[in-house]
Amino acid sequence: GDTPKSSILSHLSDQLDFCQRSLVGYLNDKRKLFPRFYYVSDTALLAILSSYDNIEEISGLIRAMFQNTHTVTLAPSQEYAPENSEQIPQDSLPSLTATEVTMGSLDDITLDAPVWTANGSLTATGITSCEGEELIFNREVTMSDGIEAWLVRLLKVTQETITDKIYEI
């Protein structure tokens, strides 16, 4: 009934402070798993963590963590063969037909058709710099196991591929 408003507001303020401290702790834990998360704000990191399976939403934010990366080339995951899963009808895929995802503005995110996948899994097969230089990875990077794990693999494969290219010269 007649609980003073000041005590209710005090209780709500305490609860809000607790939530904020918990959120900051969660974000710091994620930053420890993938240190490049330190390059983005808390708001941007929350957007990445909450929408990691939506490349359109987070592509510009990923660009902030990978300097001079303009696009990431995506393809359906090779772990799912057509004999193991159903083909997704092309008319159910609105505009999924190109292979590069522009990091920043994604007006035309598309995939090679037909898409064979049991769970919508994609792999990164390479990157393109802002100058148009292409780097095809030595091995594919599967987008799975959470965004921080996927980004760690993307970074590692990028570094390995560049190292291999340097030693080829």
N, C-alpha and C. Protein backbone atom coordinates (compact mmCIF):
# COMPACT_ATOMS: atom_id res chain seq x y z
N GLY A 1 0.57 -1.16 0.00
CA GLY A 1 0.00 0.00 0.00
C GLY A 1 0.65 1.31 0.00
N ASP A 2 0.95 1.76 1.21
CA ASP A 2 1.41 3.14 1.37
C ASP A 2 2.91 3.21 1.58
N THR A 3 3.67 2.51 0.75
CA THR A 3 5.12 2.57 0.82
C THR A 3 5.58 3.91 0.26
N PRO A 4 6.45 4.59 1.00
CA PRO A 4 6.91 5.89 0.52
C PRO A 4 7.61 5.78 -0.86
N LYS A 5 7.33 6.75 -1.70
CA LYS A 5 7.91 6.75 -3.05
C LYS A 5 9.43 6.79 -3.00
N SER A 6 9.98 7.45 -2.02
CA SER A 6 11.44 7.54 -1.92
C SER A 6 12.08 6.17 -1.70
N SER A 7 11.44 5.31 -0.91
CA SER A 7 12.01 3.97 -0.68
C SER A 7 11.84 3.10 -1.93
N ILE A 8 10.75 3.27 -2.66
CA ILE A 8 10.57 2.53 -3.92
C ILE A 8 11.62 2.97 -4.93
N LEU A 9 11.81 4.28 -5.05
CA LEU A 9 12.82 4.79 -5.98
C LEU A 9 14.23 4.36 -5.59
N SER A 10 14.49 4.33 -4.32
CA SER A 10 15.80 3.89 -3.83
C SER A 10 16.02 2.41 -4.18
N HIS A 11 15.00 1.60 -3.96
CA HIS A 11 15.09 0.17 -4.29
C HIS A 11 15.29 -0.02 -5.81
N LEU A 12 14.52 0.71 -6.61
CA LEU A 12 14.66 0.62 -8.07
C LEU A 12 16.05 1.07 -8.52
N SER A 13 16.58 2.10 -7.90
CA SER A 13 17.92 2.59 -8.23
C SER A 13 18.97 1.54 -7.90
N ASP A 14 18.81 0.87 -6.74
CA ASP A 14 19.74 -0.20 -6.36
C ASP A 14 19.69 -1.35 -7.37
N GLN A 15 18.49 -1.72 -7.77
CA GLN A 15 18.33 -2.79 -8.75
C GLN A 15 18.93 -2.41 -10.10
N LEU A 16 18.74 -1.17 -10.51
CA LEU A 16 19.31 -0.68 -11.76
C LEU A 16 20.83 -0.69 -11.71
N ASP A 17 21.39 -0.26 -10.59
CA ASP A 17 22.86 -0.29 -10.42
C ASP A 17 23.38 -1.72 -10.50
N PHE A 18 22.67 -2.65 -9.88
CA PHE A 18 23.07 -4.05 -9.92
C PHE A 18 23.05 -4.57 -11.37
N CYS A 19 21.99 -4.25 -12.10
CA CYS A 19 21.90 -4.67 -13.51
C CYS A 19 23.03 -4.07 -14.34
N GLN A 20 23.32 -2.80 -14.11
CA GLN A 20 24.39 -2.14 -14.86
C GLN A 20 25.75 -2.77 -14.56
N ARG A 21 26.03 -3.05 -13.29
CA ARG A 21 27.30 -3.69 -12.92
C ARG A 21 27.40 -5.08 -13.54
N SER A 22 26.29 -5.82 -13.54
CA SER A 22 26.28 -7.15 -14.14
C SER A 22 26.53 -7.08 -15.64
N LEU A 23 25.91 -6.12 -16.30
CA LEU A 23 26.10 -5.95 -17.74
C LEU A 23 27.53 -5.57 -18.07
N VAL A 24 28.12 -4.67 -17.31
CA VAL A 24 29.51 -4.27 -17.52
C VAL A 24 30.43 -5.48 -17.32
N GLY A 25 30.15 -6.30 -16.30
CA GLY A 25 30.94 -7.51 -16.07
C GLY A 25 30.83 -8.49 -17.23
N TYR A 26 29.62 -8.66 -17.75
CA TYR A 26 29.39 -9.55 -18.90
C TYR A 26 30.16 -9.06 -20.12
N LEU A 27 30.08 -7.75 -20.40
CA LEU A 27 30.78 -7.20 -21.56
C LEU A 27 32.30 -7.33 -21.39
N ASN A 28 32.79 -7.13 -20.19
CA ASN A 28 34.23 -7.29 -19.94
C ASN A 28 34.67 -8.74 -20.14
N ASP A 29 33.82 -9.70 -19.73
CA ASP A 29 34.14 -11.11 -19.97
C ASP A 29 34.24 -11.39 -21.46
N LYS A 30 33.32 -10.83 -22.25
CA LYS A 30 33.36 -11.01 -23.71
C LYS A 30 34.60 -10.35 -24.31
N ARG A 31 34.98 -9.20 -23.77
CA ARG A 31 36.17 -8.50 -24.28
C ARG A 31 37.44 -9.29 -23.96
N LYS A 32 37.44 -10.01 -22.85
CA LYS A 32 38.59 -10.85 -22.53
C LYS A 32 38.70 -12.01 -23.51
N LEU A 33 37.57 -12.53 -23.98
CA LEU A 33 37.57 -13.63 -24.95
C LEU A 33 38.04 -13.17 -26.33
N PHE A 34 37.68 -11.94 -26.70
CA PHE A 34 38.08 -11.38 -28.00
C PHE A 34 38.46 -9.91 -27.78
N PRO A 35 39.76 -9.65 -27.54
CA PRO A 35 40.21 -8.30 -27.16
C PRO A 35 39.84 -7.19 -28.15
N ARG A 36 39.58 -7.52 -29.42
CA ARG A 36 39.19 -6.47 -30.36
C ARG A 36 37.82 -5.88 -30.05
N PHE A 37 37.08 -6.50 -29.15
CA PHE A 37 35.83 -5.91 -28.69
C PHE A 37 36.09 -4.62 -27.92
N TYR A 38 37.33 -4.40 -27.46
CA TYR A 38 37.66 -3.15 -26.79
C TYR A 38 37.60 -1.97 -27.76
N TYR A 39 37.63 -2.22 -29.06
CA TYR A 39 37.59 -1.16 -30.07
C TYR A 39 36.20 -0.60 -30.30
N VAL A 40 35.17 -1.24 -29.74
CA VAL A 40 33.81 -0.78 -29.94
C VAL A 40 33.19 -0.40 -28.60
N SER A 41 32.21 0.47 -28.67
CA SER A 41 31.53 0.94 -27.45
C SER A 41 30.69 -0.18 -26.84
N ASP A 42 30.25 0.04 -25.61
CA ASP A 42 29.37 -0.92 -24.96
C ASP A 42 28.09 -1.13 -25.77
N THR A 43 27.54 -0.06 -26.29
CA THR A 43 26.32 -0.15 -27.09
C THR A 43 26.55 -0.98 -28.34
N ALA A 44 27.67 -0.73 -29.02
CA ALA A 44 27.99 -1.48 -30.23
C ALA A 44 28.24 -2.95 -29.90
N LEU A 45 28.92 -3.22 -28.79
CA LEU A 45 29.19 -4.60 -28.40
C LEU A 45 27.89 -5.33 -28.08
N LEU A 46 26.97 -4.66 -27.42
CA LEU A 46 25.66 -5.27 -27.17
C LEU A 46 24.94 -5.60 -28.47
N ALA A 47 25.05 -4.71 -29.45
CA ALA A 47 24.44 -4.97 -30.75
C ALA A 47 25.07 -6.18 -31.42
N ILE A 48 26.39 -6.30 -31.33
CA ILE A 48 27.09 -7.44 -31.93
C ILE A 48 26.67 -8.74 -31.25
N LEU A 49 26.67 -8.74 -29.93
CA LEU A 49 26.35 -9.95 -29.18
C LEU A 49 24.89 -10.37 -29.34
N SER A 50 24.01 -9.40 -29.50
CA SER A 50 22.59 -9.75 -29.60
C SER A 50 22.16 -10.07 -31.02
N SER A 51 22.95 -9.67 -32.01
CA SER A 51 22.56 -9.89 -33.41
C SER A 51 23.66 -10.58 -34.20
N TYR A 52 24.49 -11.39 -33.54
CA TYR A 52 25.64 -11.96 -34.22
C TYR A 52 25.27 -12.82 -35.41
N ASP A 53 24.06 -13.35 -35.45
CA ASP A 53 23.66 -14.20 -36.57
C ASP A 53 23.05 -13.39 -37.71
N ASN A 54 23.01 -12.07 -37.57
CA ASN A 54 22.48 -11.20 -38.60
C ASN A 54 23.61 -10.33 -39.14
N ILE A 55 24.27 -10.82 -40.19
CA ILE A 55 25.43 -10.13 -40.75
C ILE A 55 25.10 -8.71 -41.17
N GLU A 56 23.89 -8.47 -41.66
CA GLU A 56 23.52 -7.13 -42.10
C GLU A 56 23.63 -6.12 -40.96
N GLU A 57 23.20 -6.51 -39.78
CA GLU A 57 23.19 -5.60 -38.65
C GLU A 57 24.58 -5.32 -38.09
N ILE A 58 25.44 -6.31 -38.08
CA ILE A 58 26.72 -6.15 -37.38
C ILE A 58 27.90 -5.91 -38.28
N SER A 59 27.72 -5.92 -39.59
CA SER A 59 28.86 -5.81 -40.50
C SER A 59 29.65 -4.53 -40.30
N GLY A 60 28.98 -3.42 -40.11
CA GLY A 60 29.69 -2.16 -39.89
C GLY A 60 30.46 -2.16 -38.58
N LEU A 61 29.93 -2.87 -37.59
CA LEU A 61 30.60 -2.94 -36.30
C LEU A 61 31.82 -3.85 -36.38
N ILE A 62 31.72 -4.92 -37.16
CA ILE A 62 32.88 -5.80 -37.34
C ILE A 62 33.99 -5.04 -38.04
N ARG A 63 33.62 -4.17 -38.97
CA ARG A 63 34.61 -3.38 -39.70
C ARG A 63 35.45 -2.54 -38.73
N ALA A 64 34.87 -2.09 -37.65
CA ALA A 64 35.59 -1.29 -36.66
C ALA A 64 36.68 -2.10 -35.95
N MET A 65 36.52 -3.42 -35.93
CA MET A 65 37.48 -4.27 -35.23
C MET A 65 38.55 -4.83 -36.16
N PHE A 66 38.32 -4.79 -37.47
CA PHE A 66 39.27 -5.31 -38.44
C PHE A 66 39.63 -4.19 -39.41
N GLN A 67 40.74 -3.52 -39.12
CA GLN A 67 41.15 -2.37 -39.89
C GLN A 67 41.31 -2.72 -41.37
N ASN A 68 40.81 -1.84 -42.23
CA ASN A 68 40.93 -1.94 -43.68
C ASN A 68 40.25 -3.18 -44.27
N THR A 69 39.32 -3.76 -43.55
CA THR A 69 38.53 -4.87 -44.09
C THR A 69 37.23 -4.29 -44.62
N HIS A 70 37.05 -4.39 -45.92
CA HIS A 70 35.85 -3.84 -46.55
C HIS A 70 34.76 -4.89 -46.69
N THR A 71 35.13 -6.09 -47.11
CA THR A 71 34.14 -7.15 -47.27
C THR A 71 34.67 -8.47 -46.74
N VAL A 72 33.76 -9.32 -46.35
CA VAL A 72 34.07 -10.70 -46.00
C VAL A 72 33.28 -11.55 -46.98
N THR A 73 33.97 -12.47 -47.65
CA THR A 73 33.31 -13.35 -48.61
C THR A 73 32.71 -14.53 -47.87
N LEU A 74 31.42 -14.73 -48.07
CA LEU A 74 30.69 -15.79 -47.38
C LEU A 74 30.20 -16.83 -48.38
N ALA A 75 30.08 -18.05 -47.91
CA ALA A 75 29.54 -19.15 -48.70
C ALA A 75 28.80 -20.08 -47.76
N PRO A 76 27.90 -20.90 -48.29
CA PRO A 76 27.25 -21.89 -47.43
C PRO A 76 28.30 -22.82 -46.82
N SER A 77 28.05 -23.24 -45.60
CA SER A 77 28.98 -24.13 -44.92
C SER A 77 29.14 -25.44 -45.69
N GLN A 78 30.38 -25.90 -45.83
CA GLN A 78 30.66 -27.14 -46.53
C GLN A 78 30.39 -28.37 -45.66
N GLU A 79 30.10 -28.14 -44.37
CA GLU A 79 29.88 -29.30 -43.51
C GLU A 79 28.52 -29.94 -43.79
N TYR A 80 27.66 -29.27 -44.55
CA TYR A 80 26.35 -29.81 -44.89
C TYR A 80 26.29 -30.08 -46.38
N ALA A 81 26.22 -31.32 -46.76
CA ALA A 81 26.15 -31.69 -48.17
C ALA A 81 24.70 -31.81 -48.59
N PRO A 82 24.42 -31.64 -49.89
CA PRO A 82 23.03 -31.73 -50.36
C PRO A 82 22.35 -33.04 -49.99
N GLU A 83 23.09 -34.15 -49.93
CA GLU A 83 22.44 -35.42 -49.60
C GLU A 83 22.05 -35.49 -48.13
N ASN A 84 22.60 -34.59 -47.30
CA ASN A 84 22.30 -34.61 -45.87
C ASN A 84 21.23 -33.60 -45.46
N SER A 85 20.81 -32.76 -46.38
CA SER A 85 19.85 -31.73 -46.02
C SER A 85 19.05 -31.32 -47.24
N GLU A 86 17.98 -30.61 -46.96
CA GLU A 86 17.12 -30.16 -48.04
C GLU A 86 17.66 -28.89 -48.67
N GLN A 87 17.39 -28.74 -49.97
CA GLN A 87 17.75 -27.50 -50.63
C GLN A 87 16.71 -26.45 -50.27
N ILE A 88 17.15 -25.27 -49.94
CA ILE A 88 16.23 -24.18 -49.63
C ILE A 88 15.78 -23.59 -50.96
N PRO A 89 14.49 -23.55 -51.22
CA PRO A 89 14.00 -23.01 -52.49
C PRO A 89 14.46 -21.56 -52.67
N GLN A 90 14.89 -21.21 -53.87
CA GLN A 90 15.41 -19.88 -54.14
C GLN A 90 14.37 -18.79 -53.91
N ASP A 91 13.09 -19.07 -54.16
CA ASP A 91 12.10 -18.03 -53.97
C ASP A 91 11.87 -17.69 -52.49
N SER A 92 12.37 -18.54 -51.58
CA SER A 92 12.25 -18.23 -50.16
C SER A 92 13.43 -17.43 -49.64
N LEU A 93 14.42 -17.19 -50.49
CA LEU A 93 15.59 -16.40 -50.13
C LEU A 93 15.51 -15.07 -50.87
N PRO A 94 15.05 -14.03 -50.21
CA PRO A 94 14.76 -12.77 -50.86
C PRO A 94 15.82 -12.27 -51.83
N SER A 95 17.01 -11.97 -51.36
CA SER A 95 18.03 -11.48 -52.27
C SER A 95 19.36 -12.11 -51.92
N LEU A 96 19.42 -13.41 -51.95
CA LEU A 96 20.62 -14.12 -51.54
C LEU A 96 21.31 -14.72 -52.76
N THR A 97 22.10 -13.90 -53.48
CA THR A 97 22.77 -14.43 -54.67
C THR A 97 24.21 -13.99 -54.93
N ALA A 98 24.81 -13.06 -54.23
CA ALA A 98 26.23 -12.72 -54.44
C ALA A 98 27.04 -13.28 -53.29
N THR A 99 28.35 -13.12 -53.32
CA THR A 99 29.13 -13.76 -52.27
C THR A 99 29.82 -12.80 -51.33
N GLU A 100 29.86 -11.53 -51.61
CA GLU A 100 30.57 -10.63 -50.73
C GLU A 100 29.62 -9.86 -49.84
N VAL A 101 30.00 -9.75 -48.59
CA VAL A 101 29.24 -8.96 -47.64
C VAL A 101 30.07 -7.73 -47.34
N THR A 102 29.55 -6.57 -47.70
CA THR A 102 30.28 -5.33 -47.48
C THR A 102 30.21 -4.97 -46.00
N MET A 103 31.36 -4.68 -45.45
CA MET A 103 31.41 -4.31 -44.05
C MET A 103 31.10 -2.81 -43.96
N GLY A 104 29.95 -2.48 -43.55
CA GLY A 104 29.53 -1.10 -43.48
C GLY A 104 28.09 -1.04 -43.94
N SER A 105 27.87 -0.62 -45.17
CA SER A 105 26.51 -0.60 -45.69
C SER A 105 26.28 -1.86 -46.50
N LEU A 106 25.25 -2.58 -46.15
CA LEU A 106 24.95 -3.83 -46.84
C LEU A 106 23.66 -3.66 -47.61
N ASP A 107 23.77 -3.14 -48.81
CA ASP A 107 22.59 -2.99 -49.63
C ASP A 107 22.29 -4.27 -50.38
N ASP A 108 23.32 -5.11 -50.59
CA ASP A 108 23.11 -6.31 -51.39
C ASP A 108 23.83 -7.50 -50.80
N ILE A 109 23.43 -7.91 -49.59
CA ILE A 109 23.99 -9.12 -49.01
C ILE A 109 23.38 -10.31 -49.73
N THR A 110 24.24 -11.18 -50.24
CA THR A 110 23.73 -12.31 -50.99
C THR A 110 24.65 -13.51 -50.84
N LEU A 111 24.14 -14.66 -51.17
CA LEU A 111 24.90 -15.90 -51.09
C LEU A 111 24.85 -16.61 -52.42
N ASP A 112 25.85 -17.47 -52.69
CA ASP A 112 25.78 -18.27 -53.90
C ASP A 112 24.59 -19.20 -53.81
N ALA A 113 23.86 -19.34 -54.89
CA ALA A 113 22.69 -20.22 -54.90
C ALA A 113 23.07 -21.51 -55.59
N PRO A 114 22.48 -22.64 -55.30
CA PRO A 114 21.53 -22.84 -54.21
C PRO A 114 22.24 -22.96 -52.87
N VAL A 115 21.52 -22.65 -51.84
CA VAL A 115 22.08 -22.71 -50.49
C VAL A 115 21.72 -24.06 -49.88
N TRP A 116 22.75 -24.85 -49.53
CA TRP A 116 22.54 -26.14 -48.88
C TRP A 116 22.94 -25.98 -47.43
N THR A 117 22.02 -26.10 -46.53
CA THR A 117 22.37 -25.97 -45.14
C THR A 117 21.28 -26.55 -44.25
N ALA A 118 21.70 -27.17 -43.20
CA ALA A 118 20.75 -27.73 -42.25
C ALA A 118 20.35 -26.67 -41.23
N ASN A 119 21.22 -25.73 -40.95
CA ASN A 119 20.91 -24.74 -39.92
C ASN A 119 21.26 -23.31 -40.34
N GLY A 120 21.43 -23.06 -41.62
CA GLY A 120 21.74 -21.71 -42.07
C GLY A 120 23.19 -21.34 -41.84
N SER A 121 24.06 -22.28 -41.54
CA SER A 121 25.44 -21.99 -41.25
C SER A 121 26.18 -21.50 -42.49
N LEU A 122 26.98 -20.47 -42.29
CA LEU A 122 27.80 -19.91 -43.35
C LEU A 122 29.26 -20.02 -42.98
N THR A 123 30.13 -19.91 -43.98
CA THR A 123 31.56 -19.85 -43.73
C THR A 123 32.12 -18.63 -44.43
N ALA A 124 33.15 -18.06 -43.83
CA ALA A 124 33.91 -16.99 -44.46
C ALA A 124 35.03 -17.65 -45.25
N THR A 125 35.15 -17.28 -46.52
CA THR A 125 36.18 -17.88 -47.37
C THR A 125 37.29 -16.90 -47.74
N GLY A 126 37.12 -15.63 -47.38
CA GLY A 126 38.14 -14.64 -47.69
C GLY A 126 37.69 -13.25 -47.27
N ILE A 127 38.58 -12.28 -47.47
CA ILE A 127 38.27 -10.88 -47.18
C ILE A 127 38.79 -10.02 -48.32
N THR A 128 38.23 -8.82 -48.42
CA THR A 128 38.67 -7.84 -49.40
C THR A 128 38.96 -6.55 -48.66
N SER A 129 40.08 -5.91 -48.98
CA SER A 129 40.45 -4.66 -48.34
C SER A 129 39.66 -3.51 -48.96
N CYS A 130 39.77 -2.35 -48.36
CA CYS A 130 39.12 -1.16 -48.88
C CYS A 130 39.68 -0.76 -50.24
N GLU A 131 40.91 -1.20 -50.55
CA GLU A 131 41.54 -0.92 -51.84
C GLU A 131 41.19 -1.96 -52.89
N GLY A 132 40.42 -2.98 -52.51
CA GLY A 132 40.02 -4.00 -53.46
C GLY A 132 40.93 -5.21 -53.52
N GLU A 133 41.94 -5.29 -52.65
CA GLU A 133 42.82 -6.46 -52.63
C GLU A 133 42.08 -7.62 -51.97
N GLU A 134 42.14 -8.78 -52.62
CA GLU A 134 41.44 -9.95 -52.11
C GLU A 134 42.40 -10.93 -51.46
N LEU A 135 41.98 -11.49 -50.36
CA LEU A 135 42.73 -12.53 -49.67
C LEU A 135 41.80 -13.72 -49.50
N ILE A 136 42.09 -14.81 -50.21
CA ILE A 136 41.31 -16.03 -50.10
C ILE A 136 41.96 -16.87 -49.00
N PHE A 137 41.17 -17.26 -48.01
CA PHE A 137 41.70 -18.01 -46.87
C PHE A 137 42.20 -19.38 -47.28
N ASN A 138 43.20 -19.88 -46.54
CA ASN A 138 43.70 -21.25 -46.73
C ASN A 138 42.65 -22.27 -46.33
N ARG A 139 41.79 -21.90 -45.40
CA ARG A 139 40.70 -22.78 -44.97
C ARG A 139 39.50 -21.91 -44.59
N GLU A 140 38.33 -22.50 -44.64
CA GLU A 140 37.11 -21.76 -44.35
C GLU A 140 36.96 -21.51 -42.86
N VAL A 141 36.24 -20.46 -42.52
CA VAL A 141 35.95 -20.11 -41.14
C VAL A 141 34.45 -20.22 -40.95
N THR A 142 34.02 -21.22 -40.19
CA THR A 142 32.60 -21.45 -39.96
C THR A 142 32.05 -20.43 -38.97
N MET A 143 30.92 -19.84 -39.30
CA MET A 143 30.26 -18.89 -38.42
C MET A 143 29.37 -19.67 -37.46
N SER A 144 29.96 -20.10 -36.36
CA SER A 144 29.20 -20.86 -35.37
C SER A 144 29.86 -20.66 -34.01
N ASP A 145 29.26 -21.22 -32.98
CA ASP A 145 29.81 -21.21 -31.62
C ASP A 145 29.89 -19.84 -30.99
N GLY A 146 29.04 -18.93 -31.38
CA GLY A 146 29.06 -17.60 -30.78
C GLY A 146 29.98 -16.67 -31.54
N ILE A 147 29.65 -15.40 -31.50
CA ILE A 147 30.37 -14.40 -32.30
C ILE A 147 31.82 -14.28 -31.90
N GLU A 148 32.12 -14.34 -30.60
CA GLU A 148 33.52 -14.16 -30.19
C GLU A 148 34.39 -15.31 -30.68
N ALA A 149 33.86 -16.53 -30.66
CA ALA A 149 34.63 -17.68 -31.17
C ALA A 149 34.82 -17.57 -32.67
N TRP A 150 33.77 -17.15 -33.39
CA TRP A 150 33.86 -17.00 -34.84
C TRP A 150 34.87 -15.92 -35.20
N LEU A 151 34.86 -14.80 -34.48
CA LEU A 151 35.80 -13.72 -34.78
C LEU A 151 37.24 -14.11 -34.45
N VAL A 152 37.43 -14.88 -33.38
CA VAL A 152 38.78 -15.36 -33.06
C VAL A 152 39.29 -16.24 -34.20
N ARG A 153 38.42 -17.14 -34.71
CA ARG A 153 38.83 -17.99 -35.83
C ARG A 153 39.09 -17.16 -37.09
N LEU A 154 38.25 -16.16 -37.34
CA LEU A 154 38.45 -15.29 -38.51
C LEU A 154 39.80 -14.59 -38.43
N LEU A 155 40.13 -14.06 -37.27
CA LEU A 155 41.41 -13.38 -37.08
C LEU A 155 42.57 -14.35 -37.26
N LYS A 156 42.48 -15.52 -36.65
CA LYS A 156 43.56 -16.50 -36.72
C LYS A 156 43.79 -16.98 -38.16
N VAL A 157 42.71 -17.29 -38.87
CA VAL A 157 42.85 -17.77 -40.25
C VAL A 157 43.39 -16.65 -41.15
N THR A 158 42.96 -15.42 -40.91
CA THR A 158 43.50 -14.29 -41.67
C THR A 158 45.00 -14.17 -41.45
N GLN A 159 45.44 -14.23 -40.19
CA GLN A 159 46.87 -14.15 -39.89
C GLN A 159 47.65 -15.31 -40.50
N GLU A 160 47.11 -16.53 -40.39
CA GLU A 160 47.79 -17.70 -40.96
C GLU A 160 47.91 -17.58 -42.48
N THR A 161 46.85 -17.14 -43.13
CA THR A 161 46.86 -17.02 -44.58
C THR A 161 47.85 -15.96 -45.03
N ILE A 162 47.89 -14.83 -44.35
CA ILE A 162 48.85 -13.77 -44.70
C ILE A 162 50.27 -14.26 -44.49
N THR A 163 50.52 -14.97 -43.39
CA THR A 163 51.85 -15.52 -43.13
C THR A 163 52.25 -16.49 -44.24
N ASP A 164 51.34 -17.37 -44.63
CA ASP A 164 51.63 -18.31 -45.70
C ASP A 164 51.92 -17.60 -47.02
N LYS A 165 51.16 -16.53 -47.31
CA LYS A 165 51.36 -15.77 -48.55
C LYS A 165 52.73 -15.09 -48.55
N ILE A 166 53.16 -14.60 -47.39
CA ILE A 166 54.47 -13.94 -47.29
C ILE A 166 55.58 -14.94 -47.57
N TYR A 167 55.46 -16.15 -47.01
CA TYR A 167 56.50 -17.16 -47.21
C TYR A 167 56.49 -17.74 -48.63
N GLU A 168 55.37 -17.59 -49.36
CA GLU A 168 55.32 -18.04 -50.75
C GLU A 168 56.15 -17.15 -51.66
N ILE A 169 56.31 -15.91 -51.26
CA ILE A 169 57.02 -14.93 -52.09
C ILE A 169 58.48 -15.14 -52.02
